[in-house]
Amino acid sequence: MSENNEMLPLSGDKVESDGIYRDEWGRELKLERGDEYPSDPMVGSTEWEWVEAVYDNHHDGETDPRLVPKEKDINKQEKIEHPRRQVDRGSKGST
């Protein structure tokens, strides 16, 4: 018995999650949830393997302005202004 008892999806099956998929012959294709796995024009029905996930998180490449410390911020205790800054949380030694 093989250790991987899972069957790969075949052409005509519904795609369960967005991502890049590769068929038996190495052709990669971006498919979205609800699409059908296409068949190969020469061979016909093929198996498809998930290669990588596709995330659409609207990332602009900029730091979120809520995370940037402001000069006139009253509540600086909750924000770390320096990576080596530590918050004092009471006595550290035994009494």
PDB file of N, CA and C in Angstrom:
ATOM      1  N   MET A   1       0.842  -1.176   0.000  1.00  0.00           N
ATOM      2  CA  MET A   1       0.000   0.000   0.000  1.00  0.00           C
ATOM      3  C   MET A   1       0.886   1.239   0.000  1.00  0.00           C
ATOM      4  N   SER A   2       0.494   2.234  -0.713  1.00  0.00           N
ATOM      5  CA  SER A   2       1.278   3.468  -0.711  1.00  0.00           C
ATOM      6  C   SER A   2       0.966   4.272   0.544  1.00  0.00           C
ATOM      7  N   GLU A   3       1.899   5.119   0.919  1.00  0.00           N
ATOM      8  CA  GLU A   3       1.687   5.930   2.110  1.00  0.00           C
ATOM      9  C   GLU A   3       0.746   7.088   1.824  1.00  0.00           C
ATOM     10  N   ASN A   4       0.661   7.503   0.566  1.00  0.00           N
ATOM     11  CA  ASN A   4      -0.233   8.586   0.188  1.00  0.00           C
ATOM     12  C   ASN A   4      -1.479   7.971  -0.442  1.00  0.00           C
ATOM     13  N   ASN A   5      -2.542   7.854   0.336  1.00  0.00           N
ATOM     14  CA  ASN A   5      -3.777   7.242  -0.141  1.00  0.00           C
ATOM     15  C   ASN A   5      -4.704   8.253  -0.798  1.00  0.00           C
ATOM     16  N   GLU A   6      -4.235   9.432  -1.043  1.00  0.00           N
ATOM     17  CA  GLU A   6      -5.046  10.508  -1.585  1.00  0.00           C
ATOM     18  C   GLU A   6      -4.982  10.497  -3.106  1.00  0.00           C
ATOM     19  N   MET A   7      -6.132  10.652  -3.749  1.00  0.00           N
ATOM     20  CA  MET A   7      -6.159  10.708  -5.212  1.00  0.00           C
ATOM     21  C   MET A   7      -6.111  12.160  -5.666  1.00  0.00           C
ATOM     22  N   LEU A   8      -5.341  12.433  -6.691  1.00  0.00           N
ATOM     23  CA  LEU A   8      -5.289  13.773  -7.263  1.00  0.00           C
ATOM     24  C   LEU A   8      -6.558  14.016  -8.066  1.00  0.00           C
ATOM     25  N   PRO A   9      -7.001  15.278  -8.160  1.00  0.00           N
ATOM     26  CA  PRO A   9      -8.198  15.566  -8.949  1.00  0.00           C
ATOM     27  C   PRO A   9      -7.947  15.333 -10.438  1.00  0.00           C
ATOM     28  N   LEU A  10      -8.990  14.936 -11.139  1.00  0.00           N
ATOM     29  CA  LEU A  10      -8.920  14.681 -12.577  1.00  0.00           C
ATOM     30  C   LEU A  10      -9.589  15.809 -13.345  1.00  0.00           C
ATOM     31  N   SER A  11      -9.348  15.864 -14.619  1.00  0.00           N
ATOM     32  CA  SER A  11     -10.005  16.838 -15.487  1.00  0.00           C
ATOM     33  C   SER A  11     -11.514  16.670 -15.355  1.00  0.00           C
ATOM     34  N   GLY A  12     -12.220  17.796 -15.265  1.00  0.00           N
ATOM     35  CA  GLY A  12     -13.672  17.773 -15.110  1.00  0.00           C
ATOM     36  C   GLY A  12     -14.121  17.932 -13.675  1.00  0.00           C
ATOM     37  N   ASP A  13     -13.238  17.686 -12.698  1.00  0.00           N
ATOM     38  CA  ASP A  13     -13.582  17.880 -11.289  1.00  0.00           C
ATOM     39  C   ASP A  13     -13.601  19.369 -10.969  1.00  0.00           C
ATOM     40  N   LYS A  14     -14.312  19.740  -9.905  1.00  0.00           N
ATOM     41  CA  LYS A  14     -14.379  21.136  -9.468  1.00  0.00           C
ATOM     42  C   LYS A  14     -13.151  21.486  -8.635  1.00  0.00           C
ATOM     43  N   VAL A  15     -12.628  22.703  -8.835  1.00  0.00           N
ATOM     44  CA  VAL A  15     -11.493  23.213  -8.056  1.00  0.00           C
ATOM     45  C   VAL A  15     -12.011  23.630  -6.684  1.00  0.00           C
ATOM     46  N   GLU A  16     -11.332  23.196  -5.613  1.00  0.00           N
ATOM     47  CA  GLU A  16     -11.779  23.493  -4.256  1.00  0.00           C
ATOM     48  C   GLU A  16     -11.162  24.757  -3.672  1.00  0.00           C
ATOM     49  N   SER A  17      -9.962  25.162  -4.139  1.00  0.00           N
ATOM     50  CA  SER A  17      -9.338  26.378  -3.613  1.00  0.00           C
ATOM     51  C   SER A  17      -8.506  27.055  -4.695  1.00  0.00           C
ATOM     52  N   ASP A  18      -8.411  28.387  -4.598  1.00  0.00           N
ATOM     53  CA  ASP A  18      -7.632  29.162  -5.564  1.00  0.00           C
ATOM     54  C   ASP A  18      -6.166  28.760  -5.491  1.00  0.00           C
ATOM     55  N   GLY A  19      -5.509  28.736  -6.642  1.00  0.00           N
ATOM     56  CA  GLY A  19      -4.090  28.421  -6.635  1.00  0.00           C
ATOM     57  C   GLY A  19      -3.557  28.098  -8.010  1.00  0.00           C
ATOM     58  N   ILE A  20      -2.273  27.767  -8.033  1.00  0.00           N
ATOM     59  CA  ILE A  20      -1.598  27.335  -9.251  1.00  0.00           C
ATOM     60  C   ILE A  20      -1.577  25.808  -9.224  1.00  0.00           C
ATOM     61  N   TYR A  21      -1.998  25.201 -10.318  1.00  0.00           N
ATOM     62  CA  TYR A  21      -2.054  23.743 -10.417  1.00  0.00           C
ATOM     63  C   TYR A  21      -1.196  23.282 -11.587  1.00  0.00           C
ATOM     64  N   ARG A  22      -0.607  22.076 -11.451  1.00  0.00           N
ATOM     65  CA  ARG A  22       0.242  21.500 -12.494  1.00  0.00           C
ATOM     66  C   ARG A  22      -0.346  20.155 -12.906  1.00  0.00           C
ATOM     67  N   ASP A  23      -0.423  19.929 -14.228  1.00  0.00           N
ATOM     68  CA  ASP A  23      -0.922  18.641 -14.705  1.00  0.00           C
ATOM     69  C   ASP A  23       0.218  17.635 -14.823  1.00  0.00           C
ATOM     70  N   GLU A  24      -0.096  16.439 -15.287  1.00  0.00           N
ATOM     71  CA  GLU A  24       0.902  15.362 -15.377  1.00  0.00           C
ATOM     72  C   GLU A  24       2.065  15.718 -16.288  1.00  0.00           C
ATOM     73  N   TRP A  25       1.852  16.595 -17.229  1.00  0.00           N
ATOM     74  CA  TRP A  25       2.862  16.916 -18.240  1.00  0.00           C
ATOM     75  C   TRP A  25       3.638  18.182 -17.900  1.00  0.00           C
ATOM     76  N   GLY A  26       3.404  18.765 -16.711  1.00  0.00           N
ATOM     77  CA  GLY A  26       4.178  19.915 -16.265  1.00  0.00           C
ATOM     78  C   GLY A  26       3.579  21.265 -16.611  1.00  0.00           C
ATOM     79  N   ARG A  27       2.430  21.289 -17.254  1.00  0.00           N
ATOM     80  CA  ARG A  27       1.790  22.561 -17.602  1.00  0.00           C
ATOM     81  C   ARG A  27       1.151  23.146 -16.347  1.00  0.00           C
ATOM     82  N   GLU A  28       1.480  24.403 -16.035  1.00  0.00           N
ATOM     83  CA  GLU A  28       0.923  25.063 -14.858  1.00  0.00           C
ATOM     84  C   GLU A  28      -0.172  26.026 -15.280  1.00  0.00           C
ATOM     85  N   LEU A  29      -1.198  26.129 -14.435  1.00  0.00           N
ATOM     86  CA  LEU A  29      -2.363  26.940 -14.756  1.00  0.00           C
ATOM     87  C   LEU A  29      -2.945  27.504 -13.470  1.00  0.00           C
ATOM     88  N   LYS A  30      -3.347  28.783 -13.499  1.00  0.00           N
ATOM     89  CA  LYS A  30      -3.989  29.400 -12.341  1.00  0.00           C
ATOM     90  C   LYS A  30      -5.483  29.109 -12.428  1.00  0.00           C
ATOM     91  N   LEU A  31      -6.009  28.478 -11.386  1.00  0.00           N
ATOM     92  CA  LEU A  31      -7.428  28.141 -11.341  1.00  0.00           C
ATOM     93  C   LEU A  31      -8.046  28.724 -10.082  1.00  0.00           C
ATOM     94  N   GLU A  32      -9.320  29.098 -10.173  1.00  0.00           N
ATOM     95  CA  GLU A  32     -10.034  29.659  -9.037  1.00  0.00           C
ATOM     96  C   GLU A  32     -11.082  28.670  -8.547  1.00  0.00           C
ATOM     97  N   ARG A  33     -11.506  28.855  -7.320  1.00  0.00           N
ATOM     98  CA  ARG A  33     -12.494  27.969  -6.712  1.00  0.00           C
ATOM     99  C   ARG A  33     -13.767  27.946  -7.555  1.00  0.00           C
ATOM    100  N   GLY A  34     -14.271  26.750  -7.812  1.00  0.00           N
ATOM    101  CA  GLY A  34     -15.485  26.594  -8.603  1.00  0.00           C
ATOM    102  C   GLY A  34     -15.221  26.296 -10.068  1.00  0.00           C
ATOM    103  N   ASP A  35     -13.997  26.577 -10.552  1.00  0.00           N
ATOM    104  CA  ASP A  35     -13.649  26.238 -11.939  1.00  0.00           C
ATOM    105  C   ASP A  35     -13.556  24.719 -12.077  1.00  0.00           C
ATOM    106  N   GLU A  36     -13.545  24.257 -13.315  1.00  0.00           N
ATOM    107  CA  GLU A  36     -13.313  22.838 -13.579  1.00  0.00           C
ATOM    108  C   GLU A  36     -11.886  22.658 -14.068  1.00  0.00           C
ATOM    109  N   TYR A  37     -11.260  21.566 -13.641  1.00  0.00           N
ATOM    110  CA  TYR A  37      -9.925  21.253 -14.144  1.00  0.00           C
ATOM    111  C   TYR A  37     -10.053  20.939 -15.634  1.00  0.00           C
ATOM    112  N   PRO A  38      -9.279  21.632 -16.483  1.00  0.00           N
ATOM    113  CA  PRO A  38      -9.400  21.386 -17.925  1.00  0.00           C
ATOM    114  C   PRO A  38      -8.708  20.090 -18.338  1.00  0.00           C
ATOM    115  N   SER A  39      -9.143  19.566 -19.469  1.00  0.00           N
ATOM    116  CA  SER A  39      -8.485  18.370 -20.001  1.00  0.00           C
ATOM    117  C   SER A  39      -7.388  18.797 -20.968  1.00  0.00           C
ATOM    118  N   ASP A  40      -6.406  17.949 -21.145  1.00  0.00           N
ATOM    119  CA  ASP A  40      -5.303  18.220 -22.060  1.00  0.00           C
ATOM    120  C   ASP A  40      -5.790  18.014 -23.494  1.00  0.00           C
ATOM    121  N   PRO A  41      -5.493  18.947 -24.415  1.00  0.00           N
ATOM    122  CA  PRO A  41      -5.985  18.811 -25.792  1.00  0.00           C
ATOM    123  C   PRO A  41      -5.450  17.575 -26.514  1.00  0.00           C
ATOM    124  N   MET A  42      -4.255  17.123 -26.176  1.00  0.00           N
ATOM    125  CA  MET A  42      -3.662  15.968 -26.858  1.00  0.00           C
ATOM    126  C   MET A  42      -3.983  14.645 -26.155  1.00  0.00           C
ATOM    127  N   VAL A  43      -3.902  14.646 -24.818  1.00  0.00           N
ATOM    128  CA  VAL A  43      -4.023  13.405 -24.063  1.00  0.00           C
ATOM    129  C   VAL A  43      -5.452  13.156 -23.582  1.00  0.00           C
ATOM    130  N   GLY A  44      -6.169  14.228 -23.280  1.00  0.00           N
ATOM    131  CA  GLY A  44      -7.520  14.085 -22.729  1.00  0.00           C
ATOM    132  C   GLY A  44      -7.507  14.318 -21.232  1.00  0.00           C
ATOM    133  N   SER A  45      -8.103  13.423 -20.485  1.00  0.00           N
ATOM    134  CA  SER A  45      -8.222  13.562 -19.038  1.00  0.00           C
ATOM    135  C   SER A  45      -6.860  13.386 -18.362  1.00  0.00           C
ATOM    136  N   THR A  46      -6.511  14.326 -17.466  1.00  0.00           N
ATOM    137  CA  THR A  46      -5.232  14.263 -16.753  1.00  0.00           C
ATOM    138  C   THR A  46      -5.443  14.523 -15.271  1.00  0.00           C
ATOM    139  N   GLU A  47      -4.437  14.205 -14.471  1.00  0.00           N
ATOM    140  CA  GLU A  47      -4.454  14.506 -13.043  1.00  0.00           C
ATOM    141  C   GLU A  47      -3.848  15.885 -12.821  1.00  0.00           C
ATOM    142  N   TRP A  48      -4.341  16.593 -11.799  1.00  0.00           N
ATOM    143  CA  TRP A  48      -3.845  17.929 -11.473  1.00  0.00           C
ATOM    144  C   TRP A  48      -3.320  17.932 -10.050  1.00  0.00           C
ATOM    145  N   GLU A  49      -2.165  18.586  -9.856  1.00  0.00           N
ATOM    146  CA  GLU A  49      -1.531  18.674  -8.542  1.00  0.00           C
ATOM    147  C   GLU A  49      -1.442  20.139  -8.130  1.00  0.00           C
ATOM    148  N   TRP A  50      -1.793  20.425  -6.861  1.00  0.00           N
ATOM    149  CA  TRP A  50      -1.717  21.791  -6.346  1.00  0.00           C
ATOM    150  C   TRP A  50      -0.251  22.154  -6.139  1.00  0.00           C
ATOM    151  N   VAL A  51       0.178  23.339  -6.681  1.00  0.00           N
ATOM    152  CA  VAL A  51       1.575  23.766  -6.589  1.00  0.00           C
ATOM    153  C   VAL A  51       1.745  24.873  -5.561  1.00  0.00           C
ATOM    154  N   GLU A  52       0.937  25.937  -5.649  1.00  0.00           N
ATOM    155  CA  GLU A  52       1.041  27.028  -4.684  1.00  0.00           C
ATOM    156  C   GLU A  52      -0.281  27.756  -4.556  1.00  0.00           C
ATOM    157  N   ALA A  53      -0.474  28.377  -3.404  1.00  0.00           N
ATOM    158  CA  ALA A  53      -1.698  29.124  -3.138  1.00  0.00           C
ATOM    159  C   ALA A  53      -1.589  30.523  -3.730  1.00  0.00           C
ATOM    160  N   VAL A  54      -2.731  31.100  -4.033  1.00  0.00           N
ATOM    161  CA  VAL A  54      -2.787  32.468  -4.541  1.00  0.00           C
ATOM    162  C   VAL A  54      -3.538  33.295  -3.507  1.00  0.00           C
ATOM    163  N   TYR A  55      -2.873  34.322  -2.987  1.00  0.00           N
ATOM    164  CA  TYR A  55      -3.485  35.193  -1.995  1.00  0.00           C
ATOM    165  C   TYR A  55      -3.690  36.570  -2.606  1.00  0.00           C
ATOM    166  N   ASP A  56      -4.866  37.129  -2.392  1.00  0.00           N
ATOM    167  CA  ASP A  56      -5.147  38.484  -2.841  1.00  0.00           C
ATOM    168  C   ASP A  56      -5.473  39.301  -1.600  1.00  0.00           C
ATOM    169  N   ASN A  57      -4.434  39.859  -0.982  1.00  0.00           N
ATOM    170  CA  ASN A  57      -4.648  40.579   0.267  1.00  0.00           C
ATOM    171  C   ASN A  57      -4.507  42.093   0.108  1.00  0.00           C
ATOM    172  N   HIS A  58      -4.497  42.586  -1.111  1.00  0.00           N
ATOM    173  CA  HIS A  58      -4.452  44.027  -1.393  1.00  0.00           C
ATOM    174  C   HIS A  58      -3.258  44.702  -0.728  1.00  0.00           C
ATOM    175  N   HIS A  59      -2.114  44.057  -0.726  1.00  0.00           N
ATOM    176  CA  HIS A  59      -0.924  44.591  -0.077  1.00  0.00           C
ATOM    177  C   HIS A  59      -0.258  45.622  -0.986  1.00  0.00           C
ATOM    178  N   ASP A  60      -0.028  46.833  -0.441  1.00  0.00           N
ATOM    179  CA  ASP A  60       0.578  47.917  -1.217  1.00  0.00           C
ATOM    180  C   ASP A  60       2.078  48.029  -1.000  1.00  0.00           C
ATOM    181  N   GLY A  61       2.637  47.315  -0.050  1.00  0.00           N
ATOM    182  CA  GLY A  61       4.058  47.406   0.224  1.00  0.00           C
ATOM    183  C   GLY A  61       4.412  48.549   1.155  1.00  0.00           C
ATOM    184  N   GLU A  62       3.422  49.084   1.872  1.00  0.00           N
ATOM    185  CA  GLU A  62       3.668  50.181   2.806  1.00  0.00           C
ATOM    186  C   GLU A  62       3.287  49.741   4.216  1.00  0.00           C
ATOM    187  N   THR A  63       3.938  50.356   5.217  1.00  0.00           N
ATOM    188  CA  THR A  63       3.620  50.054   6.604  1.00  0.00           C
ATOM    189  C   THR A  63       2.253  50.619   6.947  1.00  0.00           C
ATOM    190  N   ASP A  64       1.486  49.855   7.685  1.00  0.00           N
ATOM    191  CA  ASP A  64       0.170  50.304   8.120  1.00  0.00           C
ATOM    192  C   ASP A  64       0.348  51.550   8.987  1.00  0.00           C
ATOM    193  N   PRO A  65      -0.334  52.651   8.667  1.00  0.00           N
ATOM    194  CA  PRO A  65      -0.142  53.895   9.438  1.00  0.00           C
ATOM    195  C   PRO A  65      -0.494  53.749  10.915  1.00  0.00           C
ATOM    196  N   ARG A  66      -1.302  52.786  11.285  1.00  0.00           N
ATOM    197  CA  ARG A  66      -1.639  52.587  12.697  1.00  0.00           C
ATOM    198  C   ARG A  66      -0.450  52.066  13.485  1.00  0.00           C
ATOM    199  N   LEU A  67       0.551  51.495  12.807  1.00  0.00           N
ATOM    200  CA  LEU A  67       1.711  50.935  13.494  1.00  0.00           C
ATOM    201  C   LEU A  67       2.872  51.911  13.621  1.00  0.00           C
ATOM    202  N   VAL A  68       2.781  53.055  12.963  1.00  0.00           N
ATOM    203  CA  VAL A  68       3.850  54.052  13.013  1.00  0.00           C
ATOM    204  C   VAL A  68       3.639  54.932  14.238  1.00  0.00           C
ATOM    205  N   PRO A  69       4.655  55.081  15.136  1.00  0.00           N
ATOM    206  CA  PRO A  69       4.481  55.925  16.319  1.00  0.00           C
ATOM    207  C   PRO A  69       4.345  57.399  15.938  1.00  0.00           C
ATOM    208  N   LYS A  70       3.421  58.076  16.596  1.00  0.00           N
ATOM    209  CA  LYS A  70       3.174  59.500  16.347  1.00  0.00           C
ATOM    210  C   LYS A  70       3.955  60.329  17.365  1.00  0.00           C
ATOM    211  N   GLU A  71       4.309  61.566  16.999  1.00  0.00           N
ATOM    212  CA  GLU A  71       5.072  62.423  17.914  1.00  0.00           C
ATOM    213  C   GLU A  71       4.234  62.857  19.110  1.00  0.00           C
ATOM    214  N   LYS A  72       2.973  63.189  18.895  1.00  0.00           N
ATOM    215  CA  LYS A  72       2.127  63.703  19.967  1.00  0.00           C
ATOM    216  C   LYS A  72       1.206  62.615  20.526  1.00  0.00           C
ATOM    217  N   ASP A  73       1.653  61.397  20.524  1.00  0.00           N
ATOM    218  CA  ASP A  73       0.840  60.289  21.006  1.00  0.00           C
ATOM    219  C   ASP A  73       0.850  60.271  22.531  1.00  0.00           C
ATOM    220  N   ILE A  74      -0.321  60.217  23.139  1.00  0.00           N
ATOM    221  CA  ILE A  74      -0.439  60.218  24.595  1.00  0.00           C
ATOM    222  C   ILE A  74      -0.151  58.831  25.161  1.00  0.00           C
ATOM    223  N   ASN A  75      -0.642  57.801  24.510  1.00  0.00           N
ATOM    224  CA  ASN A  75      -0.536  56.441  25.025  1.00  0.00           C
ATOM    225  C   ASN A  75       0.661  55.718  24.408  1.00  0.00           C
ATOM    226  N   LYS A  76       1.870  56.092  24.839  1.00  0.00           N
ATOM    227  CA  LYS A  76       3.079  55.476  24.292  1.00  0.00           C
ATOM    228  C   LYS A  76       3.414  54.159  24.986  1.00  0.00           C
ATOM    229  N   GLN A  77       2.767  53.861  26.100  1.00  0.00           N
ATOM    230  CA  GLN A  77       3.067  52.635  26.833  1.00  0.00           C
ATOM    231  C   GLN A  77       2.735  51.396  25.994  1.00  0.00           C
ATOM    232  N   GLU A  78       1.681  51.456  25.179  1.00  0.00           N
ATOM    233  CA  GLU A  78       1.269  50.302  24.392  1.00  0.00           C
ATOM    234  C   GLU A  78       2.094  50.120  23.126  1.00  0.00           C
ATOM    235  N   LYS A  79       2.850  51.129  22.726  1.00  0.00           N
ATOM    236  CA  LYS A  79       3.643  51.035  21.507  1.00  0.00           C
ATOM    237  C   LYS A  79       5.112  50.864  21.855  1.00  0.00           C
ATOM    238  N   ILE A  80       5.784  50.014  21.154  1.00  0.00           N
ATOM    239  CA  ILE A  80       7.218  49.827  21.355  1.00  0.00           C
ATOM    240  C   ILE A  80       7.934  50.740  20.371  1.00  0.00           C
ATOM    241  N   GLU A  81       8.722  51.676  20.887  1.00  0.00           N
ATOM    242  CA  GLU A  81       9.404  52.640  20.033  1.00  0.00           C
ATOM    243  C   GLU A  81      10.803  52.173  19.658  1.00  0.00           C
ATOM    244  N   HIS A  82      11.334  51.204  20.381  1.00  0.00           N
ATOM    245  CA  HIS A  82      12.676  50.710  20.128  1.00  0.00           C
ATOM    246  C   HIS A  82      12.675  49.199  20.347  1.00  0.00           C
ATOM    247  N   PRO A  83      13.371  48.439  19.521  1.00  0.00           N
ATOM    248  CA  PRO A  83      13.324  46.987  19.673  1.00  0.00           C
ATOM    249  C   PRO A  83      13.874  46.459  20.991  1.00  0.00           C
ATOM    250  N   ARG A  84      14.759  47.214  21.654  1.00  0.00           N
ATOM    251  CA  ARG A  84      15.337  46.736  22.913  1.00  0.00           C
ATOM    252  C   ARG A  84      14.572  47.235  24.135  1.00  0.00           C
ATOM    253  N   ARG A  85      13.517  47.994  23.905  1.00  0.00           N
ATOM    254  CA  ARG A  85      12.740  48.527  25.018  1.00  0.00           C
ATOM    255  C   ARG A  85      11.960  47.395  25.678  1.00  0.00           C
ATOM    256  N   GLN A  86      12.011  47.334  27.000  1.00  0.00           N
ATOM    257  CA  GLN A  86      11.260  46.327  27.732  1.00  0.00           C
ATOM    258  C   GLN A  86      10.322  47.014  28.695  1.00  0.00           C
ATOM    259  N   VAL A  87       9.162  46.444  28.857  1.00  0.00           N
ATOM    260  CA  VAL A  87       8.172  46.997  29.768  1.00  0.00           C
ATOM    261  C   VAL A  87       8.394  46.374  31.141  1.00  0.00           C
ATOM    262  N   ASP A  88       8.465  47.224  32.185  1.00  0.00           N
ATOM    263  CA  ASP A  88       8.639  46.740  33.549  1.00  0.00           C
ATOM    264  C   ASP A  88       7.300  46.198  34.037  1.00  0.00           C
ATOM    265  N   ARG A  89       7.278  44.929  34.439  1.00  0.00           N
ATOM    266  CA  ARG A  89       6.032  44.297  34.872  1.00  0.00           C
ATOM    267  C   ARG A  89       6.114  43.868  36.335  1.00  0.00           C
ATOM    268  N   GLY A  90       6.628  44.697  37.175  1.00  0.00           N
ATOM    269  CA  GLY A  90       6.703  44.368  38.592  1.00  0.00           C
ATOM    270  C   GLY A  90       8.075  43.850  38.981  1.00  0.00           C
ATOM    271  N   SER A  91       8.182  43.370  40.214  1.00  0.00           N
ATOM    272  CA  SER A  91       9.478  42.912  40.712  1.00  0.00           C
ATOM    273  C   SER A  91       9.861  41.595  40.050  1.00  0.00           C
ATOM    274  N   LYS A  92      11.140  41.467  39.758  1.00  0.00           N
ATOM    275  CA  LYS A  92      11.651  40.283  39.076  1.00  0.00           C
ATOM    276  C   LYS A  92      12.278  39.292  40.062  1.00  0.00           C
ATOM    277  N   GLY A  93      12.685  39.785  41.204  1.00  0.00           N
ATOM    278  CA  GLY A  93      13.379  38.923  42.162  1.00  0.00           C
ATOM    279  C   GLY A  93      12.443  38.399  43.235  1.00  0.00           C
ATOM    280  N   SER A  94      12.920  37.410  43.963  1.00  0.00           N
ATOM    281  CA  SER A  94      12.116  36.872  45.064  1.00  0.00           C
ATOM    282  C   SER A  94      12.360  37.723  46.308  1.00  0.00           C
ATOM    283  N   THR A  95      11.350  37.850  47.137  1.00  0.00           N
ATOM    284  CA  THR A  95      11.482  38.672  48.343  1.00  0.00           C
ATOM    285  C   THR A  95      11.614  37.847  49.578  1.00  0.00           C
TER     286      THR A  95
END
